[in-house]
Amino acid sequence: MKLSYNWLKDYLESDLTPQQIADAMTAIGIEVDSVEEQEEIPGGLEGVVVAEVIECEPHPDSDHLHVTKVNDGTGGCRFAHRRGSRPLCLDAAQ
């Protein structure tokens, strides 16, 4: 059976780490096979970039694309995109 550390903390008034709680449970006769860290988002937030949208204009040669300029803290980049698709960077440096 798997138990959530957060669920256990709802019932235990303790500042113990997950491993310390597992050791205490083992000491009183409750078998603990392992302690694992689970991420809410698989892969965590590795690779996620937060950026500010500076401009968003219709693409001059398309009725379903937009050109968006964003500031991600590295000097910005222009993207062509349509709703629900992955952006394509238009700047050659990117």
Protein backbone atom coordinates (compact mmCIF):
# COMPACT_ATOMS: atom_id res chain seq x y z
CA MET A 1 0.00 0.00 0.00
CA LYS A 2 1.28 3.47 -0.86
CA LEU A 3 0.79 6.34 1.57
CA SER A 4 1.20 10.02 0.81
CA TYR A 5 3.49 11.99 3.11
CA ASN A 6 1.05 14.91 2.88
CA TRP A 7 -1.83 12.63 3.85
CA LEU A 8 0.13 11.32 6.85
CA LYS A 9 0.94 14.90 7.93
CA ASP A 10 -2.82 15.57 8.12
CA TYR A 11 -2.96 13.00 10.93
CA LEU A 12 0.49 13.39 12.52
CA GLU A 13 1.67 16.51 14.28
CA SER A 14 5.32 16.20 13.38
CA ASP A 15 8.13 17.95 11.53
CA LEU A 16 9.81 14.64 10.65
CA THR A 17 11.04 13.98 7.13
CA PRO A 18 9.43 11.20 5.08
CA GLN A 19 12.42 8.93 5.78
CA GLN A 20 12.23 9.60 9.54
CA ILE A 21 8.50 8.74 9.53
CA ALA A 22 9.28 5.54 7.60
CA ASP A 23 11.95 4.63 10.17
CA ALA A 24 9.53 5.28 13.04
CA MET A 25 6.85 3.13 11.37
CA THR A 26 9.38 0.32 10.89
CA ALA A 27 10.43 0.62 14.55
CA ILE A 28 6.85 -0.04 15.71
CA GLY A 29 6.40 -3.01 13.37
CA ILE A 30 4.87 -1.49 10.24
CA GLU A 31 6.81 -2.69 7.20
CA VAL A 32 8.02 0.07 4.84
CA ASP A 33 9.45 -1.12 1.53
CA SER A 34 10.68 2.23 0.25
CA VAL A 35 10.30 5.98 0.35
CA GLU A 36 9.85 7.60 -3.07
CA GLU A 37 9.53 11.21 -4.14
CA GLN A 38 6.65 11.72 -6.56
CA GLU A 39 6.41 14.77 -8.80
CA GLU A 40 3.02 16.35 -9.39
CA ILE A 41 4.03 16.96 -13.01
CA PRO A 42 6.02 14.12 -14.60
CA GLY A 43 9.47 15.49 -15.35
CA GLY A 44 8.88 18.39 -12.99
CA LEU A 45 9.14 21.81 -14.54
CA GLU A 46 12.43 21.09 -16.31
CA GLY A 47 12.52 22.88 -19.65
CA VAL A 48 9.62 25.22 -18.86
CA VAL A 49 10.34 28.83 -19.79
CA VAL A 50 8.21 31.70 -18.51
CA ALA A 51 8.09 34.70 -20.83
CA GLU A 52 6.24 37.97 -21.16
CA VAL A 53 4.28 38.57 -24.39
CA ILE A 54 5.43 41.94 -25.77
CA GLU A 55 3.54 41.99 -29.09
CA CYS A 56 1.05 39.78 -30.91
CA GLU A 57 0.06 40.68 -34.47
CA PRO A 58 -1.55 38.82 -37.38
CA HIS A 59 0.97 37.19 -39.74
CA PRO A 60 1.13 39.22 -42.96
CA ASP A 61 0.97 36.15 -45.24
CA SER A 62 -1.56 34.04 -43.34
CA ASP A 63 -5.10 34.30 -42.00
CA HIS A 64 -4.52 31.72 -39.24
CA LEU A 65 -1.02 32.59 -37.95
CA HIS A 66 0.15 35.29 -35.55
CA VAL A 67 3.63 36.70 -34.99
CA THR A 68 4.35 37.13 -31.31
CA LYS A 69 7.35 38.80 -29.69
CA VAL A 70 8.17 37.55 -26.21
CA ASN A 71 10.71 38.51 -23.57
CA ASP A 72 12.17 35.47 -21.84
CA GLY A 73 15.02 37.40 -20.23
CA THR A 74 17.53 36.46 -22.95
CA GLY A 75 16.75 39.25 -25.40
CA GLY A 76 13.43 38.05 -26.74
CA CYS A 77 12.42 36.10 -29.78
CA ARG A 78 9.71 36.40 -32.45
CA PHE A 79 7.41 33.41 -32.97
CA ALA A 80 4.89 32.45 -35.63
CA HIS A 81 2.11 30.36 -34.18
CA ARG A 82 -1.51 29.33 -34.47
CA ARG A 83 -3.74 28.40 -31.56
CA GLY A 84 -2.97 24.92 -30.23
CA SER A 85 0.29 24.51 -32.16
CA ARG A 86 3.92 24.64 -31.10
CA PRO A 87 5.52 28.04 -31.83
CA LEU A 88 8.19 28.30 -34.52
CA CYS A 89 10.98 30.76 -33.70
CA LEU A 90 11.53 33.22 -36.55
CA ASP A 91 14.80 34.69 -35.27
CA ALA A 92 17.84 33.01 -36.82
CA ALA A 93 19.84 33.38 -33.58
CA GLN A 94 17.44 31.07 -31.71
